Amino acid sequence: MATEQPGEIRARMPQSPVNEYAARAWSGWLGLAVGLALVGGGAVLASTSTADAGKIAAGLIVVGALVLAGLTAVSPGQARVVSLFGRYCGTVRDTGLRWVNPFTKRRQVSTRVRNLETAVLKVNDADGNPIEMAAVVVWQVDDTAKAVYAVDDFVQFVAIQTETAVRHIAGSYPYDARHEEQLALRQNAEEITSRLSTEITARVATAGVQVIESRITRLSYAAEIAQAMLRRQQADAVVAARTRLVEGAVSMVRMALDDLAEQGIVDLDEERKAAMVSNLLVVLCSDHATQPVVNTGTLYQ
C-alpha cells in the first residue's frame, strides 16, 4: 500500500458541477443601432393621434427596450457569466460592447491577476516547535463557471485554502534538518515552496482558480523559543566549525609526518611522534595564539 509523503494533500476536493464554455454573443453595436431605431420609430409613431399607431408605437418601444437591455459591456480583464433562469449559458470573454439574450442574468467576474498575502500564522513544525510562517500567492480566475457556481465566494475560498495549505506544509517538515537527507523548511526553501504551490493549486482547482506563483515571505521560530533556538543554532555552528578545523589539523599533521619520514630529515620513535602530534594539534586547533618553547637541549630533554 502506498504511503503518504510529507506535504502530500490529504483532502480530496469535489469536482465542479460545471465547466466554462463560450456564450452566444453578438456585436453590441448592431444591437444598439436596432434598439435605438425601434425606440425612435416608436416615439415618432406615438406622436400621431391614431389609436392603431399608438399601439404599434408602444410595441416598438417595448421591443427596442428589450433589445437595448441585451447590451453588455465587457472590459479587459473582466468576463461575464451568463445564466438564464438558473441555467448556465456560457461566459462572454470578448471585450467591447456585446449583445446577449436580454432575459439572461450576467454576472461580472474579474480575470485579472491578484495577490494574496496570508497573515503570519503560528503553527508547530514536524518536531513540535512553534514557528511563524506567512506566504504570498499570485493567482487569477481561469474558469469563471467554476468560480461562480462551485463555491459561494471564490476570493474567500482561495484565502482559506491557502492558509490551510500553509499550515499543512509547515506541520509536515521540521524547521531545521537533523540529517542531510531530510527536507527542512529553512534549508530547502525552494523545494518546499514548490510543494506549497502544488498543494494550493490542487486545493483551489475546484473554484476554477489558477495559481501562478507562491512564495514563503516569513519563516522564523516563535518568540517564546527564538532565543533558545538561536543558541542551539550557534552551538551547532560552533560544533561544525570545530569538526572542520580538527579534520584539517589532522590532515596537516599526517602530511607533516609523512614528509619527514619520506625525506629522512629526522627519525622519530612512537613517543616523539605522539608528542609532535600533540603539539601540532594544540597549535592548529587553538583559539588563541600559542607561545613557542625553544628546546635548547636534546630531542629527549
C-alpha atoms as a PDB file:
ATOM      1  CA  MET A   1       0.000   0.000   0.000  1.00  0.00           C
ATOM      2  CA  ALA A   2       1.368   3.407  -0.966  1.00  0.00           C
ATOM      3  CA  THR A   3       2.336   5.657   1.926  1.00  0.00           C
ATOM      4  CA  GLU A   4       1.627   9.362   2.017  1.00  0.00           C
ATOM      5  CA  GLN A   5       4.660  11.581   1.638  1.00  0.00           C
ATOM      6  CA  PRO A   6       5.179  14.635   3.883  1.00  0.00           C
ATOM      7  CA  GLY A   7       3.347  17.616   2.440  1.00  0.00           C
ATOM      8  CA  GLU A   8       1.042  15.463   0.303  1.00  0.00           C
ATOM      9  CA  ILE A   9      -2.558  16.653   0.244  1.00  0.00           C
ATOM     10  CA  ARG A  10      -4.851  14.571   2.432  1.00  0.00           C
ATOM     11  CA  ALA A  11      -8.101  16.339   1.480  1.00  0.00           C
ATOM     12  CA  ARG A  12      -9.688  15.465  -1.841  1.00  0.00           C
ATOM     13  CA  MET A  13     -11.671  18.344  -3.317  1.00  0.00           C
ATOM     14  CA  PRO A  14     -15.003  17.582  -5.063  1.00  0.00           C
ATOM     15  CA  GLN A  15     -15.437  18.056  -8.772  1.00  0.00           C
ATOM     16  CA  SER A  16     -17.080  21.217 -10.050  1.00  0.00           C
ATOM     17  CA  PRO A  17     -20.667  20.850 -11.367  1.00  0.00           C
ATOM     18  CA  VAL A  18     -19.961  22.965 -14.481  1.00  0.00           C
ATOM     19  CA  ASN A  19     -17.118  23.940 -16.776  1.00  0.00           C
ATOM     20  CA  GLU A  20     -16.704  27.186 -18.656  1.00  0.00           C
ATOM     21  CA  TYR A  21     -17.646  27.485 -22.307  1.00  0.00           C
ATOM     22  CA  ALA A  22     -18.255  30.452 -24.599  1.00  0.00           C
ATOM     23  CA  ALA A  23     -21.698  32.033 -24.523  1.00  0.00           C
ATOM     24  CA  ARG A  24     -23.610  33.052 -27.629  1.00  0.00           C
ATOM     25  CA  ALA A  25     -22.944  36.761 -28.039  1.00  0.00           C
ATOM     26  CA  TRP A  26     -23.108  39.121 -30.997  1.00  0.00           C
ATOM     27  CA  SER A  27     -21.772  42.554 -31.763  1.00  0.00           C
ATOM     28  CA  GLY A  28     -23.360  45.089 -29.440  1.00  0.00           C
ATOM     29  CA  TRP A  29     -23.147  47.923 -31.948  1.00  0.00           C
ATOM     30  CA  LEU A  30     -25.679  46.243 -34.211  1.00  0.00           C
ATOM     31  CA  GLY A  31     -27.959  45.646 -31.225  1.00  0.00           C
ATOM     32  CA  LEU A  32     -27.530  49.275 -30.152  1.00  0.00           C
ATOM     33  CA  ALA A  33     -28.471  50.523 -33.633  1.00  0.00           C
ATOM     34  CA  VAL A  34     -31.527  48.252 -33.854  1.00  0.00           C
ATOM     35  CA  GLY A  35     -32.695  49.145 -30.355  1.00  0.00           C
ATOM     36  CA  LEU A  36     -32.352  52.875 -30.901  1.00  0.00           C
ATOM     37  CA  ALA A  37     -34.118  52.601 -34.254  1.00  0.00           C
ATOM     38  CA  LEU A  38     -37.055  50.745 -32.698  1.00  0.00           C
ATOM     39  CA  VAL A  39     -37.357  53.177 -29.795  1.00  0.00           C
ATOM     40  CA  GLY A  40     -37.032  56.171 -32.136  1.00  0.00           C
ATOM     41  CA  GLY A  41     -39.613  54.783 -34.543  1.00  0.00           C
ATOM     42  CA  GLY A  42     -41.991  54.094 -31.695  1.00  0.00           C
ATOM     43  CA  ALA A  43     -41.586  57.638 -30.406  1.00  0.00           C
ATOM     44  CA  VAL A  44     -42.367  59.047 -33.847  1.00  0.00           C
ATOM     45  CA  LEU A  45     -45.469  56.891 -34.182  1.00  0.00           C
ATOM     46  CA  ALA A  46     -46.567  57.797 -30.681  1.00  0.00           C
ATOM     47  CA  SER A  47     -46.778  61.453 -31.759  1.00  0.00           C
ATOM     48  CA  THR A  48     -49.627  60.622 -34.120  1.00  0.00           C
ATOM     49  CA  SER A  49     -53.210  60.718 -32.886  1.00  0.00           C
ATOM     50  CA  THR A  50     -54.489  57.406 -34.280  1.00  0.00           C
ATOM     51  CA  ALA A  51     -55.138  54.546 -31.830  1.00  0.00           C
ATOM     52  CA  ASP A  52     -53.579  51.881 -34.072  1.00  0.00           C
ATOM     53  CA  ALA A  53     -50.383  53.906 -34.420  1.00  0.00           C
ATOM     54  CA  GLY A  54     -50.213  54.319 -30.663  1.00  0.00           C
ATOM     55  CA  LYS A  55     -50.398  50.532 -30.125  1.00  0.00           C
ATOM     56  CA  ILE A  56     -47.692  49.913 -32.707  1.00  0.00           C
ATOM     57  CA  ALA A  57     -45.535  52.628 -31.163  1.00  0.00           C
ATOM     58  CA  ALA A  58     -45.858  51.060 -27.715  1.00  0.00           C
ATOM     59  CA  GLY A  59     -44.890  47.686 -29.138  1.00  0.00           C
ATOM     60  CA  LEU A  60     -41.861  49.133 -30.921  1.00  0.00           C
ATOM     61  CA  ILE A  61     -40.699  50.910 -27.774  1.00  0.00           C
ATOM     62  CA  VAL A  62     -41.040  47.736 -25.689  1.00  0.00           C
ATOM     63  CA  VAL A  63     -39.142  45.650 -28.246  1.00  0.00           C
ATOM     64  CA  GLY A  64     -36.471  48.336 -28.560  1.00  0.00           C
ATOM     65  CA  ALA A  65     -36.081  48.465 -24.772  1.00  0.00           C
ATOM     66  CA  LEU A  66     -35.631  44.684 -24.697  1.00  0.00           C
ATOM     67  CA  VAL A  67     -33.002  44.876 -27.430  1.00  0.00           C
ATOM     68  CA  LEU A  68     -31.145  47.582 -25.515  1.00  0.00           C
ATOM     69  CA  ALA A  69     -31.396  45.517 -22.312  1.00  0.00           C
ATOM     70  CA  GLY A  70     -29.345  42.807 -24.003  1.00  0.00           C
ATOM     71  CA  LEU A  71     -26.325  45.094 -24.403  1.00  0.00           C
ATOM     72  CA  THR A  72     -23.352  44.152 -22.211  1.00  0.00           C
ATOM     73  CA  ALA A  73     -20.040  45.977 -21.983  1.00  0.00           C
ATOM     74  CA  VAL A  74     -17.030  43.744 -21.268  1.00  0.00           C
ATOM     75  CA  SER A  75     -13.824  45.455 -20.119  1.00  0.00           C
ATOM     76  CA  PRO A  76     -10.309  43.987 -20.471  1.00  0.00           C
ATOM     77  CA  GLY A  77      -9.590  41.695 -17.526  1.00  0.00           C
ATOM     78  CA  GLN A  78     -13.285  41.066 -16.994  1.00  0.00           C
ATOM     79  CA  ALA A  79     -15.722  38.354 -18.056  1.00  0.00           C
ATOM     80  CA  ARG A  80     -19.484  37.963 -17.912  1.00  0.00           C
ATOM     81  CA  VAL A  81     -21.045  34.720 -16.692  1.00  0.00           C
ATOM     82  CA  VAL A  82     -24.401  34.359 -18.435  1.00  0.00           C
ATOM     83  CA  SER A  83     -27.309  32.398 -16.963  1.00  0.00           C
ATOM     84  CA  LEU A  84     -30.955  32.045 -17.932  1.00  0.00           C
ATOM     85  CA  PHE A  85     -33.445  31.169 -15.188  1.00  0.00           C
ATOM     86  CA  GLY A  86     -30.718  29.457 -13.145  1.00  0.00           C
ATOM     87  CA  ARG A  87     -29.131  27.575 -16.062  1.00  0.00           C
ATOM     88  CA  TYR A  88     -25.541  28.380 -17.030  1.00  0.00           C
ATOM     89  CA  CYS A  89     -25.441  29.609 -20.644  1.00  0.00           C
ATOM     90  CA  GLY A  90     -21.735  30.326 -21.073  1.00  0.00           C
ATOM     91  CA  THR A  91     -19.212  33.079 -20.472  1.00  0.00           C
ATOM     92  CA  VAL A  92     -18.522  36.186 -22.534  1.00  0.00           C
ATOM     93  CA  ARG A  93     -14.785  36.988 -22.591  1.00  0.00           C
ATOM     94  CA  ASP A  94     -14.628  39.066 -25.800  1.00  0.00           C
ATOM     95  CA  THR A  95     -14.061  42.689 -24.830  1.00  0.00           C
ATOM     96  CA  GLY A  96     -16.162  45.573 -26.075  1.00  0.00           C
ATOM     97  CA  LEU A  97     -19.908  46.022 -26.484  1.00  0.00           C
ATOM     98  CA  ARG A  98     -21.647  42.645 -26.845  1.00  0.00           C
ATOM     99  CA  TRP A  99     -25.288  41.622 -27.152  1.00  0.00           C
ATOM    100  CA  VAL A 100     -26.830  38.585 -25.473  1.00  0.00           C
ATOM    101  CA  ASN A 101     -30.315  37.382 -24.648  1.00  0.00           C
ATOM    102  CA  PRO A 102     -31.895  40.262 -22.706  1.00  0.00           C
ATOM    103  CA  PHE A 103     -33.626  37.868 -20.292  1.00  0.00           C
ATOM    104  CA  THR A 104     -30.336  36.416 -19.065  1.00  0.00           C
ATOM    105  CA  LYS A 105     -28.502  37.357 -15.908  1.00  0.00           C
ATOM    106  CA  ARG A 106     -24.913  38.494 -16.471  1.00  0.00           C
ATOM    107  CA  ARG A 107     -22.525  38.322 -13.526  1.00  0.00           C
ATOM    108  CA  GLN A 108     -19.227  40.147 -13.794  1.00  0.00           C
ATOM    109  CA  VAL A 109     -16.106  38.180 -12.793  1.00  0.00           C
ATOM    110  CA  SER A 110     -12.611  39.647 -12.742  1.00  0.00           C
ATOM    111  CA  THR A 111      -9.961  37.608 -14.549  1.00  0.00           C
ATOM    112  CA  ARG A 112      -7.104  39.915 -13.565  1.00  0.00           C
ATOM    113  CA  VAL A 113      -4.036  38.633 -11.741  1.00  0.00           C
ATOM    114  CA  ARG A 114      -4.373  39.045  -7.979  1.00  0.00           C
ATOM    115  CA  ASN A 115      -2.083  38.889  -4.954  1.00  0.00           C
ATOM    116  CA  LEU A 116      -2.979  37.203  -1.691  1.00  0.00           C
ATOM    117  CA  GLU A 117      -0.730  37.560   1.343  1.00  0.00           C
ATOM    118  CA  THR A 118      -1.606  35.391   4.294  1.00  0.00           C
ATOM    119  CA  ALA A 119      -1.409  36.599   7.866  1.00  0.00           C
ATOM    120  CA  VAL A 120       1.555  35.482   9.949  1.00  0.00           C
ATOM    121  CA  LEU A 121       0.461  32.018  11.080  1.00  0.00           C
ATOM    122  CA  LYS A 122       1.743  30.466  14.296  1.00  0.00           C
ATOM    123  CA  VAL A 123       1.968  26.690  13.823  1.00  0.00           C
ATOM    124  CA  ASN A 124       4.036  23.745  15.033  1.00  0.00           C
ATOM    125  CA  ASP A 125       6.582  22.198  12.694  1.00  0.00           C
ATOM    126  CA  ALA A 126       7.134  18.450  12.347  1.00  0.00           C
ATOM    127  CA  ASP A 127       9.286  18.449  15.515  1.00  0.00           C
ATOM    128  CA  GLY A 128       6.602  20.226  17.532  1.00  0.00           C
ATOM    129  CA  ASN A 129       8.450  23.552  17.692  1.00  0.00           C
ATOM    130  CA  PRO A 130       6.244  26.654  17.371  1.00  0.00           C
ATOM    131  CA  ILE A 131       7.146  28.666  14.275  1.00  0.00           C
ATOM    132  CA  GLU A 132       5.732  31.677  12.458  1.00  0.00           C
ATOM    133  CA  MET A 133       5.098  31.378   8.728  1.00  0.00           C
ATOM    134  CA  ALA A 134       3.467  33.512   6.033  1.00  0.00           C
ATOM    135  CA  ALA A 135       3.183  33.245   2.257  1.00  0.00           C
ATOM    136  CA  VAL A 136       2.091  35.275  -0.748  1.00  0.00           C
ATOM    137  CA  VAL A 137       0.165  33.737  -3.648  1.00  0.00           C
ATOM    138  CA  VAL A 138      -0.280  35.145  -7.156  1.00  0.00           C
ATOM    139  CA  TRP A 139      -3.477  33.811  -8.734  1.00  0.00           C
ATOM    140  CA  GLN A 140      -6.252  34.503 -11.219  1.00  0.00           C
ATOM    141  CA  VAL A 141      -9.586  33.041 -12.254  1.00  0.00           C
ATOM    142  CA  ASP A 142      -9.118  30.529 -15.064  1.00  0.00           C
ATOM    143  CA  ASP A 143     -12.623  29.027 -15.221  1.00  0.00           C
ATOM    144  CA  THR A 144     -15.341  31.579 -14.494  1.00  0.00           C
ATOM    145  CA  ALA A 145     -18.136  28.991 -14.350  1.00  0.00           C
ATOM    146  CA  LYS A 146     -16.398  27.081 -11.539  1.00  0.00           C
ATOM    147  CA  ALA A 147     -15.600  30.324  -9.721  1.00  0.00           C
ATOM    148  CA  VAL A 148     -19.284  31.320  -9.694  1.00  0.00           C
ATOM    149  CA  TYR A 149     -21.106  28.001  -9.285  1.00  0.00           C
ATOM    150  CA  ALA A 150     -18.684  25.656  -7.492  1.00  0.00           C
ATOM    151  CA  VAL A 151     -18.127  27.792  -4.355  1.00  0.00           C
ATOM    152  CA  ASP A 152     -20.016  30.535  -2.540  1.00  0.00           C
ATOM    153  CA  ASP A 153     -17.218  33.135  -2.606  1.00  0.00           C
ATOM    154  CA  PHE A 154     -14.151  32.190  -4.626  1.00  0.00           C
ATOM    155  CA  VAL A 155     -12.000  35.000  -3.171  1.00  0.00           C
ATOM    156  CA  GLN A 156     -12.653  33.862   0.383  1.00  0.00           C
ATOM    157  CA  PHE A 157     -12.266  30.242  -0.718  1.00  0.00           C
ATOM    158  CA  VAL A 158      -8.786  30.926  -2.083  1.00  0.00           C
ATOM    159  CA  ALA A 159      -7.788  32.751   1.107  1.00  0.00           C
ATOM    160  CA  ILE A 160      -8.934  29.938   3.405  1.00  0.00           C
ATOM    161  CA  GLN A 161      -7.459  27.140   1.297  1.00  0.00           C
ATOM    162  CA  THR A 162      -4.143  28.995   1.032  1.00  0.00           C
ATOM    163  CA  GLU A 163      -3.963  29.343   4.812  1.00  0.00           C
ATOM    164  CA  THR A 164      -4.827  25.647   5.178  1.00  0.00           C
ATOM    165  CA  ALA A 165      -2.055  24.666   2.757  1.00  0.00           C
ATOM    166  CA  VAL A 166       0.492  26.840   4.573  1.00  0.00           C
ATOM    167  CA  ARG A 167      -0.426  25.242   7.908  1.00  0.00           C
ATOM    168  CA  HIS A 168      -0.224  21.758   6.401  1.00  0.00           C
ATOM    169  CA  ILE A 169       3.173  22.350   4.821  1.00  0.00           C
ATOM    170  CA  ALA A 170       4.549  23.966   7.988  1.00  0.00           C
ATOM    171  CA  GLY A 171       3.451  20.989  10.081  1.00  0.00           C
ATOM    172  CA  SER A 172       4.837  18.402   7.647  1.00  0.00           C
ATOM    173  CA  TYR A 173       8.505  19.439   7.795  1.00  0.00           C
ATOM    174  CA  PRO A 174      10.922  20.433  10.557  1.00  0.00           C
ATOM    175  CA  TYR A 175      12.316  23.942  10.690  1.00  0.00           C
ATOM    176  CA  ASP A 176      15.901  22.595  10.700  1.00  0.00           C
ATOM    177  CA  ALA A 177      17.060  19.275   9.257  1.00  0.00           C
ATOM    178  CA  ARG A 178      18.569  16.683  11.562  1.00  0.00           C
ATOM    179  CA  HIS A 179      20.384  14.896   8.727  1.00  0.00           C
ATOM    180  CA  GLU A 180      21.272  15.648   5.117  1.00  0.00           C
ATOM    181  CA  GLU A 181      18.520  13.525   3.515  1.00  0.00           C
ATOM    182  CA  GLN A 182      15.731  15.237   5.466  1.00  0.00           C
ATOM    183  CA  LEU A 183      13.815  18.131   3.926  1.00  0.00           C
ATOM    184  CA  ALA A 184      13.549  21.190   6.156  1.00  0.00           C
ATOM    185  CA  LEU A 185      11.732  24.487   5.871  1.00  0.00           C
ATOM    186  CA  ARG A 186      14.849  26.608   6.268  1.00  0.00           C
ATOM    187  CA  GLN A 187      17.384  24.616   4.257  1.00  0.00           C
ATOM    188  CA  ASN A 188      15.087  23.515   1.395  1.00  0.00           C
ATOM    189  CA  ALA A 189      13.057  26.666   0.804  1.00  0.00           C
ATOM    190  CA  GLU A 190      12.816  26.240  -2.988  1.00  0.00           C
ATOM    191  CA  GLU A 191      11.541  22.667  -2.855  1.00  0.00           C
ATOM    192  CA  ILE A 192       9.155  23.432  -0.002  1.00  0.00           C
ATOM    193  CA  THR A 193       7.818  26.437  -1.957  1.00  0.00           C
ATOM    194  CA  SER A 194       7.260  24.211  -4.992  1.00  0.00           C
ATOM    195  CA  ARG A 195       5.293  21.743  -2.888  1.00  0.00           C
ATOM    196  CA  LEU A 196       3.313  24.598  -1.371  1.00  0.00           C
ATOM    197  CA  SER A 197       2.356  25.809  -4.868  1.00  0.00           C
ATOM    198  CA  THR A 198       1.324  22.283  -5.853  1.00  0.00           C
ATOM    199  CA  GLU A 199      -0.876  21.883  -2.795  1.00  0.00           C
ATOM    200  CA  ILE A 200      -2.539  25.286  -3.170  1.00  0.00           C
ATOM    201  CA  THR A 201      -3.180  24.585  -6.858  1.00  0.00           C
ATOM    202  CA  ALA A 202      -4.882  21.294  -6.030  1.00  0.00           C
ATOM    203  CA  ARG A 203      -6.985  22.863  -3.284  1.00  0.00           C
ATOM    204  CA  VAL A 204      -8.311  25.799  -5.336  1.00  0.00           C
ATOM    205  CA  ALA A 205      -8.807  23.936  -8.632  1.00  0.00           C
ATOM    206  CA  THR A 206     -12.435  23.304  -7.684  1.00  0.00           C
ATOM    207  CA  ALA A 207     -13.048  27.066  -7.784  1.00  0.00           C
ATOM    208  CA  GLY A 208     -11.535  27.401 -11.261  1.00  0.00           C
ATOM    209  CA  VAL A 209      -8.515  29.299  -9.940  1.00  0.00           C
ATOM    210  CA  GLN A 210      -5.008  29.078 -11.387  1.00  0.00           C
ATOM    211  CA  VAL A 211      -2.045  29.621  -9.071  1.00  0.00           C
ATOM    212  CA  ILE A 212       0.714  31.451 -10.942  1.00  0.00           C
ATOM    213  CA  GLU A 213       3.277  31.563  -8.152  1.00  0.00           C
ATOM    214  CA  SER A 214       3.572  31.252  -4.400  1.00  0.00           C
ATOM    215  CA  ARG A 215       6.396  32.274  -2.088  1.00  0.00           C
ATOM    216  CA  ILE A 216       7.117  31.960   1.606  1.00  0.00           C
ATOM    217  CA  THR A 217       7.523  35.523   2.858  1.00  0.00           C
ATOM    218  CA  ARG A 218       8.224  34.829   6.519  1.00  0.00           C
ATOM    219  CA  LEU A 219       9.706  31.864   8.333  1.00  0.00           C
ATOM    220  CA  SER A 220      11.017  32.063  11.885  1.00  0.00           C
ATOM    221  CA  TYR A 221      10.767  30.482  15.291  1.00  0.00           C
ATOM    222  CA  ALA A 222       8.053  31.825  17.576  1.00  0.00           C
ATOM    223  CA  ALA A 223       9.160  34.499  20.027  1.00  0.00           C
ATOM    224  CA  GLU A 224       8.960  32.243  23.088  1.00  0.00           C
ATOM    225  CA  ILE A 225      11.610  29.848  21.781  1.00  0.00           C
ATOM    226  CA  ALA A 226      13.541  32.096  19.404  1.00  0.00           C
ATOM    227  CA  GLN A 227      16.409  32.770  21.853  1.00  0.00           C
ATOM    228  CA  ALA A 228      16.779  29.114  22.817  1.00  0.00           C
ATOM    229  CA  MET A 229      16.790  28.019  19.176  1.00  0.00           C
ATOM    230  CA  LEU A 230      19.296  30.747  18.326  1.00  0.00           C
ATOM    231  CA  ARG A 231      21.663  29.419  20.969  1.00  0.00           C
ATOM    232  CA  ARG A 232      21.200  25.909  19.597  1.00  0.00           C
ATOM    233  CA  GLN A 233      21.967  27.090  16.064  1.00  0.00           C
ATOM    234  CA  GLN A 234      25.059  28.872  17.353  1.00  0.00           C
ATOM    235  CA  ALA A 235      26.147  25.712  19.166  1.00  0.00           C
ATOM    236  CA  ASP A 236      25.592  23.639  16.010  1.00  0.00           C
ATOM    237  CA  ALA A 237      27.657  26.170  14.035  1.00  0.00           C
ATOM    238  CA  VAL A 238      30.486  26.025  16.582  1.00  0.00           C
ATOM    239  CA  VAL A 239      30.486  22.210  16.531  1.00  0.00           C
ATOM    240  CA  ALA A 240      30.526  22.188  12.715  1.00  0.00           C
ATOM    241  CA  ALA A 241      33.400  24.693  12.630  1.00  0.00           C
ATOM    242  CA  ARG A 242      35.374  22.708  15.225  1.00  0.00           C
ATOM    243  CA  THR A 243      34.804  19.498  13.295  1.00  0.00           C
ATOM    244  CA  ARG A 244      36.105  21.076  10.097  1.00  0.00           C
ATOM    245  CA  LEU A 245      39.083  22.547  11.967  1.00  0.00           C
ATOM    246  CA  VAL A 246      40.047  19.230  13.546  1.00  0.00           C
ATOM    247  CA  GLU A 247      39.743  17.421  10.204  1.00  0.00           C
ATOM    248  CA  GLY A 248      42.073  19.966   8.611  1.00  0.00           C
ATOM    249  CA  ALA A 249      44.543  19.811  11.509  1.00  0.00           C
ATOM    250  CA  VAL A 250      44.714  16.009  11.398  1.00  0.00           C
ATOM    251  CA  SER A 251      45.310  16.130   7.670  1.00  0.00           C
ATOM    252  CA  MET A 252      48.156  18.630   8.108  1.00  0.00           C
ATOM    253  CA  VAL A 253      49.778  16.568  10.887  1.00  0.00           C
ATOM    254  CA  ARG A 254      49.603  13.429   8.766  1.00  0.00           C
ATOM    255  CA  MET A 255      51.159  15.276   5.849  1.00  0.00           C
ATOM    256  CA  ALA A 256      53.966  16.609   8.076  1.00  0.00           C
ATOM    257  CA  LEU A 257      54.798  13.160   9.454  1.00  0.00           C
ATOM    258  CA  ASP A 258      54.721  11.580   6.012  1.00  0.00           C
ATOM    259  CA  ASP A 259      57.031  14.253   4.560  1.00  0.00           C
ATOM    260  CA  LEU A 260      59.511  13.906   7.421  1.00  0.00           C
ATOM    261  CA  ALA A 261      59.613  10.131   7.019  1.00  0.00           C
ATOM    262  CA  GLU A 262      59.835  10.258   3.222  1.00  0.00           C
ATOM    263  CA  GLN A 263      62.675  12.798   3.094  1.00  0.00           C
ATOM    264  CA  GLY A 264      64.568  11.247   6.021  1.00  0.00           C
ATOM    265  CA  ILE A 265      65.019  14.561   7.820  1.00  0.00           C
ATOM    266  CA  VAL A 266      64.639  13.057  11.289  1.00  0.00           C
ATOM    267  CA  ASP A 267      63.870   9.601  12.621  1.00  0.00           C
ATOM    268  CA  LEU A 268      61.161   9.786  15.292  1.00  0.00           C
ATOM    269  CA  ASP A 269      60.079   6.972  17.536  1.00  0.00           C
ATOM    270  CA  GLU A 270      56.463   6.481  18.534  1.00  0.00           C
ATOM    271  CA  GLU A 271      56.800   8.588  21.693  1.00  0.00           C
ATOM    272  CA  ARG A 272      58.254  11.570  19.788  1.00  0.00           C
ATOM    273  CA  LYS A 273      55.634  11.211  17.088  1.00  0.00           C
ATOM    274  CA  ALA A 274      52.897  11.348  19.732  1.00  0.00           C
ATOM    275  CA  ALA A 275      54.471  14.452  21.269  1.00  0.00           C
ATOM    276  CA  MET A 276      54.771  16.123  17.857  1.00  0.00           C
ATOM    277  CA  VAL A 277      51.171  15.286  17.002  1.00  0.00           C
ATOM    278  CA  SER A 278      50.003  16.703  20.335  1.00  0.00           C
ATOM    279  CA  ASN A 279      51.950  19.937  19.853  1.00  0.00           C
ATOM    280  CA  LEU A 280      50.810  20.433  16.277  1.00  0.00           C
ATOM    281  CA  LEU A 281      47.165  19.825  17.150  1.00  0.00           C
ATOM    282  CA  VAL A 282      47.380  22.328  20.001  1.00  0.00           C
ATOM    283  CA  VAL A 283      48.870  24.938  17.652  1.00  0.00           C
ATOM    284  CA  LEU A 284      46.423  24.291  14.810  1.00  0.00           C
ATOM    285  CA  CYS A 285      43.238  23.918  16.868  1.00  0.00           C
ATOM    286  CA  SER A 286      43.798  26.586  19.491  1.00  0.00           C
ATOM    287  CA  ASP A 287      41.554  29.657  19.564  1.00  0.00           C
ATOM    288  CA  HIS A 288      44.449  31.850  20.701  1.00  0.00           C
ATOM    289  CA  ALA A 289      47.993  32.364  19.518  1.00  0.00           C
ATOM    290  CA  THR A 290      50.362  29.836  21.061  1.00  0.00           C
ATOM    291  CA  GLN A 291      53.640  30.705  22.787  1.00  0.00           C
ATOM    292  CA  PRO A 292      56.566  28.715  21.387  1.00  0.00           C
ATOM    293  CA  VAL A 293      59.002  26.990  23.762  1.00  0.00           C
ATOM    294  CA  VAL A 294      62.528  26.660  22.378  1.00  0.00           C
ATOM    295  CA  ASN A 295      64.232  23.415  23.320  1.00  0.00           C
ATOM    296  CA  THR A 296      67.981  24.072  23.763  1.00  0.00           C
ATOM    297  CA  GLY A 297      68.749  20.554  24.868  1.00  0.00           C
ATOM    298  CA  THR A 298      68.444  17.248  23.086  1.00  0.00           C
ATOM    299  CA  LEU A 299      65.358  15.916  21.433  1.00  0.00           C
ATOM    300  CA  TYR A 300      64.522  13.881  24.537  1.00  0.00           C
ATOM    301  CA  GLN A 301      65.123  16.617  27.161  1.00  0.00           C
END
